[in-house]
């Protein structure tokens, strides 16, 4: 009964797209009625005659789909899909809270840096003030006492956040 119940719950799945195909793949998935989250960042581009602000994927070749488990093959059939992300031998899922936290981070800062990482697990923390208040994360490292590296569960990625150490506290 539990397996049947789990199948009826939509979950966020991270997918890896073909190179430079994040936006097109997201568009194709949306046309099929699939909920998609493609985190974007603003980047200034310089051409020979002008500068322009453009939206680029925050996580190269990654996007997230919220689907039922029985829709996995439907998503994998979309042009631009490369593969699902696996964690501990199973297709990874991302908790709703982490997707909401990622959205909050992107809305609250134009200075996010993304690093691939295989750092070991660290202290669980919560951000207690500022625009990221309430976000729970795993502290991986500190850089220059103002940059905090937070781990996004199941993706092997980390976010470098510019904030003071006084803005975080250990979770109990």
N, C-alpha and C. Protein backbone atom coordinates (compact mmCIF):
# COMPACT_ATOMS: atom_id res chain seq x y z
N UNK A 1 0.82 -1.20 0.00
CA UNK A 1 0.00 0.00 0.00
C UNK A 1 0.86 1.27 0.00
N UNK A 2 1.97 1.25 0.73
CA UNK A 2 2.84 2.42 0.79
C UNK A 2 3.40 2.73 -0.59
N UNK A 3 3.83 1.71 -1.36
CA UNK A 3 4.36 1.93 -2.70
C UNK A 3 3.34 2.57 -3.62
N UNK A 4 2.09 2.14 -3.53
CA UNK A 4 1.01 2.71 -4.34
C UNK A 4 0.77 4.16 -3.94
N UNK A 5 0.79 4.44 -2.65
CA UNK A 5 0.59 5.79 -2.15
C UNK A 5 1.70 6.71 -2.62
N UNK A 6 2.97 6.26 -2.57
CA UNK A 6 4.11 7.07 -3.00
C UNK A 6 4.01 7.43 -4.48
N UNK A 7 3.47 6.51 -5.30
CA UNK A 7 3.34 6.75 -6.73
C UNK A 7 2.39 7.89 -7.02
N UNK A 8 1.46 8.18 -6.11
CA UNK A 8 0.45 9.20 -6.33
C UNK A 8 0.90 10.58 -5.83
N UNK A 9 2.13 10.69 -5.41
CA UNK A 9 2.68 11.96 -4.92
C UNK A 9 3.69 12.47 -5.94
N UNK A 10 3.51 13.71 -6.36
CA UNK A 10 4.47 14.31 -7.28
C UNK A 10 5.74 14.64 -6.50
N UNK A 11 6.89 14.39 -7.12
CA UNK A 11 8.18 14.69 -6.51
C UNK A 11 9.02 15.47 -7.51
N UNK A 12 9.96 16.22 -6.97
CA UNK A 12 10.93 16.94 -7.81
C UNK A 12 12.07 15.99 -8.16
N UNK A 13 12.37 15.90 -9.44
CA UNK A 13 13.48 15.09 -9.94
C UNK A 13 14.46 16.00 -10.67
N UNK A 14 15.74 15.94 -10.31
CA UNK A 14 16.73 16.70 -11.08
C UNK A 14 17.07 15.92 -12.35
N UNK A 15 17.13 16.61 -13.46
CA UNK A 15 17.54 15.95 -14.70
C UNK A 15 18.72 16.69 -15.30
N UNK A 16 19.51 15.95 -16.02
CA UNK A 16 20.66 16.48 -16.72
C UNK A 16 20.28 16.58 -18.19
N UNK A 17 20.48 17.76 -18.78
CA UNK A 17 20.11 17.97 -20.17
C UNK A 17 21.35 17.91 -21.06
N UNK A 18 21.09 17.86 -22.35
CA UNK A 18 22.20 17.98 -23.29
C UNK A 18 22.79 19.37 -23.13
N UNK A 19 24.05 19.53 -23.52
CA UNK A 19 24.76 20.78 -23.35
C UNK A 19 24.02 21.95 -24.01
N UNK A 20 23.86 23.02 -23.26
CA UNK A 20 23.22 24.26 -23.71
C UNK A 20 21.76 24.06 -24.14
N UNK A 21 21.10 23.03 -23.62
CA UNK A 21 19.72 22.74 -24.02
C UNK A 21 18.72 22.92 -22.88
N UNK A 22 19.13 23.57 -21.80
CA UNK A 22 18.26 23.68 -20.63
C UNK A 22 16.95 24.41 -20.95
N UNK A 23 17.03 25.57 -21.58
CA UNK A 23 15.82 26.37 -21.85
C UNK A 23 14.88 25.66 -22.82
N UNK A 24 15.41 25.13 -23.89
CA UNK A 24 14.58 24.43 -24.89
C UNK A 24 13.93 23.18 -24.29
N UNK A 25 14.70 22.44 -23.50
CA UNK A 25 14.17 21.23 -22.86
C UNK A 25 13.05 21.61 -21.89
N UNK A 26 13.26 22.66 -21.10
CA UNK A 26 12.23 23.13 -20.16
C UNK A 26 10.97 23.53 -20.93
N UNK A 27 11.13 24.22 -22.03
CA UNK A 27 10.00 24.65 -22.85
C UNK A 27 9.23 23.45 -23.40
N UNK A 28 9.95 22.45 -23.90
CA UNK A 28 9.30 21.24 -24.44
C UNK A 28 8.53 20.49 -23.34
N UNK A 29 9.12 20.41 -22.15
CA UNK A 29 8.45 19.74 -21.03
C UNK A 29 7.19 20.50 -20.62
N UNK A 30 7.27 21.82 -20.57
CA UNK A 30 6.11 22.63 -20.20
C UNK A 30 4.98 22.47 -21.21
N UNK A 31 5.33 22.36 -22.49
CA UNK A 31 4.31 22.16 -23.53
C UNK A 31 3.58 20.84 -23.33
N UNK A 32 4.21 19.88 -22.65
CA UNK A 32 3.57 18.59 -22.35
C UNK A 32 2.81 18.63 -21.02
N UNK A 33 2.76 19.80 -20.41
CA UNK A 33 2.02 19.96 -19.16
C UNK A 33 2.81 19.54 -17.93
N UNK A 34 4.13 19.44 -18.05
CA UNK A 34 4.98 19.01 -16.93
C UNK A 34 5.52 20.25 -16.21
N UNK A 35 5.41 20.24 -14.88
CA UNK A 35 5.92 21.35 -14.07
C UNK A 35 7.45 21.31 -14.08
N UNK A 36 8.05 22.43 -14.46
CA UNK A 36 9.51 22.51 -14.61
C UNK A 36 10.02 23.70 -13.81
N UNK A 37 11.18 23.53 -13.19
CA UNK A 37 11.87 24.65 -12.56
C UNK A 37 13.28 24.71 -13.13
N UNK A 38 13.58 25.80 -13.81
CA UNK A 38 14.91 26.05 -14.36
C UNK A 38 15.46 27.29 -13.68
N UNK A 39 16.35 27.12 -12.69
CA UNK A 39 16.91 28.29 -12.01
C UNK A 39 17.78 29.10 -12.99
N UNK A 40 17.51 30.40 -13.05
CA UNK A 40 18.24 31.28 -13.96
C UNK A 40 18.96 32.37 -13.18
N UNK A 41 20.04 32.86 -13.76
CA UNK A 41 20.78 33.99 -13.19
C UNK A 41 20.93 35.05 -14.27
N UNK A 42 21.05 36.29 -13.83
CA UNK A 42 21.27 37.41 -14.76
C UNK A 42 22.77 37.56 -14.99
N UNK A 43 23.13 37.65 -16.27
CA UNK A 43 24.54 37.79 -16.64
C UNK A 43 24.67 38.90 -17.67
N UNK A 44 25.68 39.75 -17.48
CA UNK A 44 25.93 40.80 -18.46
C UNK A 44 26.84 40.25 -19.55
N UNK A 45 26.40 40.37 -20.81
CA UNK A 45 27.17 39.89 -21.95
C UNK A 45 27.67 41.09 -22.74
N UNK A 46 28.88 40.98 -23.24
CA UNK A 46 29.48 42.07 -24.02
C UNK A 46 29.60 41.62 -25.47
N UNK A 47 28.97 42.36 -26.37
CA UNK A 47 29.16 42.16 -27.79
C UNK A 47 30.03 43.31 -28.29
N UNK A 48 30.43 43.25 -29.52
CA UNK A 48 31.32 44.29 -30.05
C UNK A 48 30.67 45.66 -30.03
N UNK A 49 29.35 45.72 -30.19
CA UNK A 49 28.67 47.01 -30.26
C UNK A 49 27.80 47.36 -29.05
N UNK A 50 27.62 46.41 -28.13
CA UNK A 50 26.74 46.71 -27.00
C UNK A 50 26.90 45.70 -25.87
N UNK A 51 26.32 46.07 -24.72
CA UNK A 51 26.23 45.16 -23.58
C UNK A 51 24.76 44.83 -23.39
N UNK A 52 24.51 43.62 -22.90
CA UNK A 52 23.13 43.20 -22.69
C UNK A 52 23.08 42.27 -21.48
N UNK A 53 22.01 42.40 -20.68
CA UNK A 53 21.77 41.49 -19.56
C UNK A 53 20.92 40.33 -20.11
N UNK A 54 21.41 39.10 -19.90
CA UNK A 54 20.68 37.92 -20.36
C UNK A 54 20.47 36.97 -19.18
N UNK A 55 19.50 36.08 -19.34
CA UNK A 55 19.22 35.07 -18.34
C UNK A 55 19.90 33.76 -18.77
N UNK A 56 20.75 33.23 -17.90
CA UNK A 56 21.43 31.96 -18.17
C UNK A 56 21.11 30.97 -17.05
N UNK A 57 21.17 29.68 -17.36
CA UNK A 57 20.93 28.69 -16.30
C UNK A 57 21.94 28.85 -15.16
N UNK A 58 21.44 28.78 -13.95
CA UNK A 58 22.30 28.85 -12.76
C UNK A 58 23.15 27.59 -12.65
N UNK A 59 22.55 26.45 -12.98
CA UNK A 59 23.23 25.15 -12.90
C UNK A 59 23.32 24.60 -14.33
N UNK A 60 24.49 24.66 -14.92
CA UNK A 60 24.65 24.20 -16.30
C UNK A 60 24.17 22.77 -16.47
N UNK A 61 23.29 22.59 -17.44
CA UNK A 61 22.73 21.29 -17.84
C UNK A 61 21.79 20.66 -16.82
N UNK A 62 21.36 21.41 -15.81
CA UNK A 62 20.41 20.89 -14.82
C UNK A 62 19.09 21.63 -14.91
N UNK A 63 18.02 20.89 -14.73
CA UNK A 63 16.72 21.48 -14.45
C UNK A 63 15.94 20.48 -13.62
N UNK A 64 14.80 20.91 -13.09
CA UNK A 64 14.02 20.09 -12.17
C UNK A 64 12.61 19.92 -12.71
N UNK A 65 12.08 18.72 -12.60
CA UNK A 65 10.70 18.44 -13.01
C UNK A 65 9.94 17.88 -11.82
N UNK A 66 8.68 18.32 -11.68
CA UNK A 66 7.84 17.79 -10.60
C UNK A 66 6.80 16.90 -11.24
N UNK A 67 6.98 15.59 -11.03
CA UNK A 67 6.15 14.59 -11.71
C UNK A 67 5.84 13.42 -10.79
N UNK A 68 4.89 12.60 -11.25
CA UNK A 68 4.64 11.32 -10.60
C UNK A 68 5.69 10.34 -11.10
N UNK A 69 5.99 9.35 -10.29
CA UNK A 69 7.01 8.36 -10.66
C UNK A 69 6.69 7.69 -12.00
N UNK A 70 5.42 7.48 -12.30
CA UNK A 70 5.07 6.81 -13.55
C UNK A 70 5.25 7.71 -14.78
N UNK A 71 5.68 8.97 -14.59
CA UNK A 71 5.95 9.88 -15.70
C UNK A 71 7.44 9.94 -16.06
N UNK A 72 8.28 9.17 -15.37
CA UNK A 72 9.72 9.22 -15.62
C UNK A 72 10.05 8.96 -17.09
N UNK A 73 9.42 7.97 -17.69
CA UNK A 73 9.73 7.65 -19.09
C UNK A 73 9.22 8.73 -20.04
N UNK A 74 8.11 9.39 -19.69
CA UNK A 74 7.60 10.48 -20.52
C UNK A 74 8.61 11.62 -20.59
N UNK A 75 9.21 11.97 -19.44
CA UNK A 75 10.21 13.03 -19.39
C UNK A 75 11.46 12.63 -20.17
N UNK A 76 11.90 11.39 -20.02
CA UNK A 76 13.13 10.96 -20.68
C UNK A 76 12.99 10.89 -22.20
N UNK A 77 11.76 10.91 -22.71
CA UNK A 77 11.53 10.87 -24.15
C UNK A 77 11.61 12.26 -24.80
N UNK A 78 11.68 13.31 -24.00
CA UNK A 78 11.69 14.68 -24.51
C UNK A 78 13.07 15.01 -25.10
N UNK A 79 13.05 15.63 -26.27
CA UNK A 79 14.31 16.04 -26.91
C UNK A 79 15.07 17.00 -25.99
N UNK A 80 16.35 16.76 -25.79
CA UNK A 80 17.18 17.58 -24.91
C UNK A 80 17.49 16.90 -23.59
N UNK A 81 16.67 15.92 -23.20
CA UNK A 81 16.90 15.15 -21.98
C UNK A 81 18.15 14.29 -22.18
N UNK A 82 19.05 14.28 -21.20
CA UNK A 82 20.24 13.43 -21.29
C UNK A 82 20.13 12.24 -20.32
N UNK A 83 19.84 12.54 -19.04
CA UNK A 83 19.74 11.46 -18.06
C UNK A 83 19.18 11.99 -16.76
N UNK A 84 18.70 11.06 -15.95
CA UNK A 84 18.32 11.39 -14.58
C UNK A 84 19.58 11.39 -13.72
N UNK A 85 19.52 12.11 -12.62
CA UNK A 85 20.61 12.13 -11.64
C UNK A 85 20.32 11.03 -10.63
N UNK A 86 21.33 10.24 -10.34
CA UNK A 86 21.17 9.14 -9.39
C UNK A 86 21.89 9.47 -8.09
N UNK A 87 21.32 8.99 -6.99
CA UNK A 87 21.92 9.13 -5.67
C UNK A 87 21.71 7.81 -4.96
N UNK A 88 22.77 7.18 -4.50
CA UNK A 88 22.73 5.88 -3.82
C UNK A 88 22.02 4.82 -4.66
N UNK A 89 22.27 4.83 -5.97
CA UNK A 89 21.74 3.79 -6.85
C UNK A 89 20.30 3.98 -7.28
N UNK A 90 19.64 5.07 -6.85
CA UNK A 90 18.26 5.33 -7.23
C UNK A 90 18.16 6.72 -7.87
N UNK A 91 17.13 6.90 -8.69
CA UNK A 91 16.90 8.23 -9.25
C UNK A 91 16.67 9.20 -8.09
N UNK A 92 17.44 10.28 -8.10
CA UNK A 92 17.37 11.24 -7.00
C UNK A 92 16.07 12.02 -7.03
N UNK A 93 15.59 12.36 -5.85
CA UNK A 93 14.46 13.27 -5.70
C UNK A 93 14.92 14.41 -4.79
N UNK A 94 14.33 15.55 -4.98
CA UNK A 94 14.67 16.73 -4.19
C UNK A 94 13.44 17.13 -3.39
N UNK A 95 13.57 17.29 -2.07
CA UNK A 95 12.42 17.71 -1.26
C UNK A 95 11.88 19.08 -1.71
N UNK A 96 10.55 19.24 -1.63
CA UNK A 96 9.92 20.51 -1.99
C UNK A 96 10.60 21.69 -1.28
N UNK A 97 10.93 21.52 -0.01
CA UNK A 97 11.55 22.59 0.79
C UNK A 97 12.85 23.07 0.15
N UNK A 98 13.64 22.14 -0.40
CA UNK A 98 14.92 22.56 -1.00
C UNK A 98 14.70 23.32 -2.31
N UNK A 99 13.69 22.94 -3.07
CA UNK A 99 13.38 23.70 -4.28
C UNK A 99 12.92 25.11 -3.89
N UNK A 100 12.07 25.20 -2.88
CA UNK A 100 11.61 26.51 -2.40
C UNK A 100 12.79 27.34 -1.88
N UNK A 101 13.71 26.70 -1.15
CA UNK A 101 14.89 27.41 -0.65
C UNK A 101 15.76 27.91 -1.80
N UNK A 102 15.92 27.10 -2.84
CA UNK A 102 16.71 27.50 -4.01
C UNK A 102 16.07 28.70 -4.68
N UNK A 103 14.76 28.68 -4.82
CA UNK A 103 14.04 29.82 -5.41
C UNK A 103 14.26 31.08 -4.57
N UNK A 104 14.20 30.93 -3.25
CA UNK A 104 14.41 32.06 -2.35
C UNK A 104 15.83 32.61 -2.47
N UNK A 105 16.81 31.72 -2.55
CA UNK A 105 18.20 32.16 -2.72
C UNK A 105 18.39 32.95 -4.00
N UNK A 106 17.80 32.48 -5.08
CA UNK A 106 17.96 33.14 -6.37
C UNK A 106 17.26 34.49 -6.36
N UNK A 107 16.07 34.58 -5.78
CA UNK A 107 15.34 35.84 -5.71
C UNK A 107 16.05 36.85 -4.82
N UNK A 108 16.76 36.38 -3.79
CA UNK A 108 17.34 37.26 -2.80
C UNK A 108 18.76 37.71 -3.09
N UNK A 109 19.37 37.21 -4.15
CA UNK A 109 20.77 37.56 -4.40
C UNK A 109 21.12 37.49 -5.87
N UNK A 110 21.87 38.44 -6.31
CA UNK A 110 22.39 38.41 -7.67
C UNK A 110 23.85 37.94 -7.67
N UNK A 111 24.36 37.55 -6.51
CA UNK A 111 25.77 37.21 -6.39
C UNK A 111 25.99 35.76 -5.97
N UNK A 112 25.24 34.85 -6.56
CA UNK A 112 25.43 33.44 -6.25
C UNK A 112 26.49 32.85 -7.16
N UNK A 113 27.33 32.01 -6.59
CA UNK A 113 28.29 31.24 -7.37
C UNK A 113 27.97 29.78 -7.13
N UNK A 114 28.07 28.97 -8.17
CA UNK A 114 27.81 27.55 -8.05
C UNK A 114 29.12 26.80 -8.27
N UNK A 115 29.40 25.85 -7.40
CA UNK A 115 30.59 25.03 -7.51
C UNK A 115 30.19 23.56 -7.44
N UNK A 116 30.78 22.73 -8.31
CA UNK A 116 30.60 21.30 -8.13
C UNK A 116 31.49 20.91 -6.96
N UNK A 117 31.01 19.98 -6.15
CA UNK A 117 31.78 19.65 -4.97
C UNK A 117 31.60 18.19 -4.59
N UNK A 118 32.62 17.67 -3.98
CA UNK A 118 32.51 16.34 -3.38
C UNK A 118 33.00 16.43 -1.94
N UNK A 119 32.79 17.62 -1.34
CA UNK A 119 33.20 17.84 0.05
C UNK A 119 32.39 16.95 0.97
N UNK A 120 32.98 16.61 2.09
CA UNK A 120 32.27 15.76 3.06
C UNK A 120 31.21 16.57 3.81
N UNK A 121 30.29 15.86 4.39
CA UNK A 121 29.19 16.47 5.11
C UNK A 121 29.70 17.28 6.29
N UNK A 122 29.00 18.38 6.59
CA UNK A 122 29.38 19.23 7.72
C UNK A 122 28.21 19.51 8.63
N UNK A 123 28.27 20.62 9.29
CA UNK A 123 27.26 21.02 10.28
C UNK A 123 25.97 21.45 9.60
N UNK A 124 24.83 21.01 10.16
CA UNK A 124 23.53 21.49 9.70
C UNK A 124 23.31 22.86 10.31
N UNK A 125 22.90 23.82 9.47
CA UNK A 125 22.72 25.19 9.95
C UNK A 125 21.39 25.74 9.45
N UNK A 126 21.00 26.84 10.07
CA UNK A 126 19.85 27.61 9.60
C UNK A 126 20.28 29.06 9.53
N UNK A 127 19.85 29.75 8.49
CA UNK A 127 20.15 31.18 8.36
C UNK A 127 19.11 31.92 9.18
N UNK A 128 19.58 32.74 10.12
CA UNK A 128 18.65 33.33 11.09
C UNK A 128 18.27 34.78 10.82
N UNK A 129 18.93 35.44 9.84
CA UNK A 129 18.52 36.81 9.52
C UNK A 129 18.91 37.13 8.08
N UNK A 130 18.42 38.25 7.63
CA UNK A 130 18.71 38.67 6.27
C UNK A 130 17.71 38.09 5.27
N UNK A 131 17.95 38.28 3.98
CA UNK A 131 16.99 37.86 2.97
C UNK A 131 16.83 36.33 2.87
N UNK A 132 17.75 35.56 3.46
CA UNK A 132 17.70 34.10 3.37
C UNK A 132 17.23 33.46 4.68
N UNK A 133 16.65 34.28 5.54
CA UNK A 133 16.20 33.82 6.86
C UNK A 133 15.32 32.57 6.72
N UNK A 134 15.62 31.56 7.57
CA UNK A 134 14.81 30.36 7.63
C UNK A 134 15.31 29.22 6.75
N UNK A 135 16.26 29.48 5.88
CA UNK A 135 16.77 28.41 5.01
C UNK A 135 17.68 27.50 5.82
N UNK A 136 17.42 26.20 5.73
CA UNK A 136 18.25 25.20 6.39
C UNK A 136 19.20 24.61 5.36
N UNK A 137 20.43 24.35 5.77
CA UNK A 137 21.43 23.84 4.84
C UNK A 137 22.49 23.08 5.61
N UNK A 138 23.42 22.55 4.87
CA UNK A 138 24.58 21.89 5.46
C UNK A 138 25.78 22.77 5.17
N UNK A 139 26.46 23.20 6.19
CA UNK A 139 27.62 24.06 6.03
C UNK A 139 28.80 23.21 5.61
N UNK A 140 29.36 23.54 4.46
CA UNK A 140 30.50 22.78 3.96
C UNK A 140 31.82 23.46 4.25
N UNK A 141 31.88 24.76 4.03
CA UNK A 141 33.12 25.47 4.33
C UNK A 141 32.86 26.97 4.40
N UNK A 142 33.84 27.66 4.89
CA UNK A 142 33.79 29.12 4.99
C UNK A 142 34.93 29.69 4.17
N UNK A 143 34.65 30.78 3.50
CA UNK A 143 35.69 31.45 2.72
C UNK A 143 35.73 32.91 3.16
N UNK A 144 36.84 33.33 3.63
CA UNK A 144 37.08 34.71 4.05
C UNK A 144 36.05 35.21 5.07
N UNK A 145 35.47 34.31 5.85
CA UNK A 145 34.55 34.62 6.94
C UNK A 145 33.28 35.36 6.51
N UNK A 146 33.09 35.60 5.22
CA UNK A 146 31.85 36.21 4.74
C UNK A 146 31.19 35.36 3.66
N UNK A 147 31.91 34.38 3.12
CA UNK A 147 31.33 33.50 2.13
C UNK A 147 31.10 32.14 2.77
N UNK A 148 29.89 31.67 2.69
CA UNK A 148 29.51 30.41 3.30
C UNK A 148 29.09 29.46 2.19
N UNK A 149 29.63 28.25 2.22
CA UNK A 149 29.28 27.26 1.21
C UNK A 149 28.21 26.35 1.78
N UNK A 150 27.04 26.32 1.12
CA UNK A 150 25.91 25.52 1.56
C UNK A 150 25.67 24.40 0.56
N UNK A 151 25.45 23.20 1.06
CA UNK A 151 25.25 22.03 0.21
C UNK A 151 23.79 21.84 -0.13
N UNK A 152 23.50 21.60 -1.43
CA UNK A 152 22.16 21.24 -1.87
C UNK A 152 22.12 19.72 -1.90
N UNK A 153 21.27 19.15 -1.08
CA UNK A 153 21.17 17.70 -0.92
C UNK A 153 20.92 17.00 -2.25
N UNK A 154 21.60 15.87 -2.46
CA UNK A 154 21.41 14.93 -3.57
C UNK A 154 21.89 15.43 -4.93
N UNK A 155 22.48 16.59 -5.02
CA UNK A 155 22.94 17.07 -6.33
C UNK A 155 24.45 17.10 -6.47
N UNK A 156 25.18 17.06 -5.37
CA UNK A 156 26.63 17.19 -5.46
C UNK A 156 27.03 18.60 -5.86
N UNK A 157 26.21 19.58 -5.54
CA UNK A 157 26.51 20.98 -5.84
C UNK A 157 26.49 21.77 -4.55
N UNK A 158 27.14 22.92 -4.59
CA UNK A 158 27.08 23.80 -3.43
C UNK A 158 26.84 25.22 -3.91
N UNK A 159 26.29 26.02 -3.02
CA UNK A 159 26.04 27.43 -3.30
C UNK A 159 26.96 28.24 -2.41
N UNK A 160 27.64 29.21 -3.00
CA UNK A 160 28.48 30.12 -2.23
C UNK A 160 27.64 31.36 -1.97
N UNK A 161 27.40 31.62 -0.69
CA UNK A 161 26.53 32.71 -0.28
C UNK A 161 27.35 33.75 0.47
N UNK A 162 27.20 35.00 0.10
CA UNK A 162 27.88 36.08 0.80
C UNK A 162 27.01 36.53 1.96
N UNK A 163 27.38 36.15 3.15
CA UNK A 163 26.67 36.58 4.35
C UNK A 163 27.63 36.46 5.54
N UNK A 164 27.33 37.14 6.59
CA UNK A 164 28.16 37.10 7.78
C UNK A 164 27.89 35.84 8.59
N UNK A 165 28.90 35.38 9.31
CA UNK A 165 28.75 34.22 10.19
C UNK A 165 27.70 34.47 11.27
N UNK A 166 27.51 35.72 11.64
CA UNK A 166 26.51 36.02 12.67
C UNK A 166 25.09 35.74 12.17
N UNK A 167 24.93 35.55 10.86
CA UNK A 167 23.60 35.28 10.30
C UNK A 167 23.24 33.80 10.25
N UNK A 168 24.12 32.93 10.75
CA UNK A 168 23.78 31.50 10.78
C UNK A 168 23.93 30.95 12.18
N UNK A 169 23.20 29.91 12.45
CA UNK A 169 23.36 29.22 13.73
C UNK A 169 23.17 27.72 13.51
N UNK A 170 23.75 26.93 14.40
CA UNK A 170 23.65 25.47 14.33
C UNK A 170 22.22 25.05 14.58
N UNK A 171 21.79 24.03 13.84
CA UNK A 171 20.51 23.41 14.13
C UNK A 171 20.69 22.44 15.27
N UNK A 172 19.68 22.34 16.12
CA UNK A 172 19.78 21.43 17.26
C UNK A 172 19.09 20.14 16.98
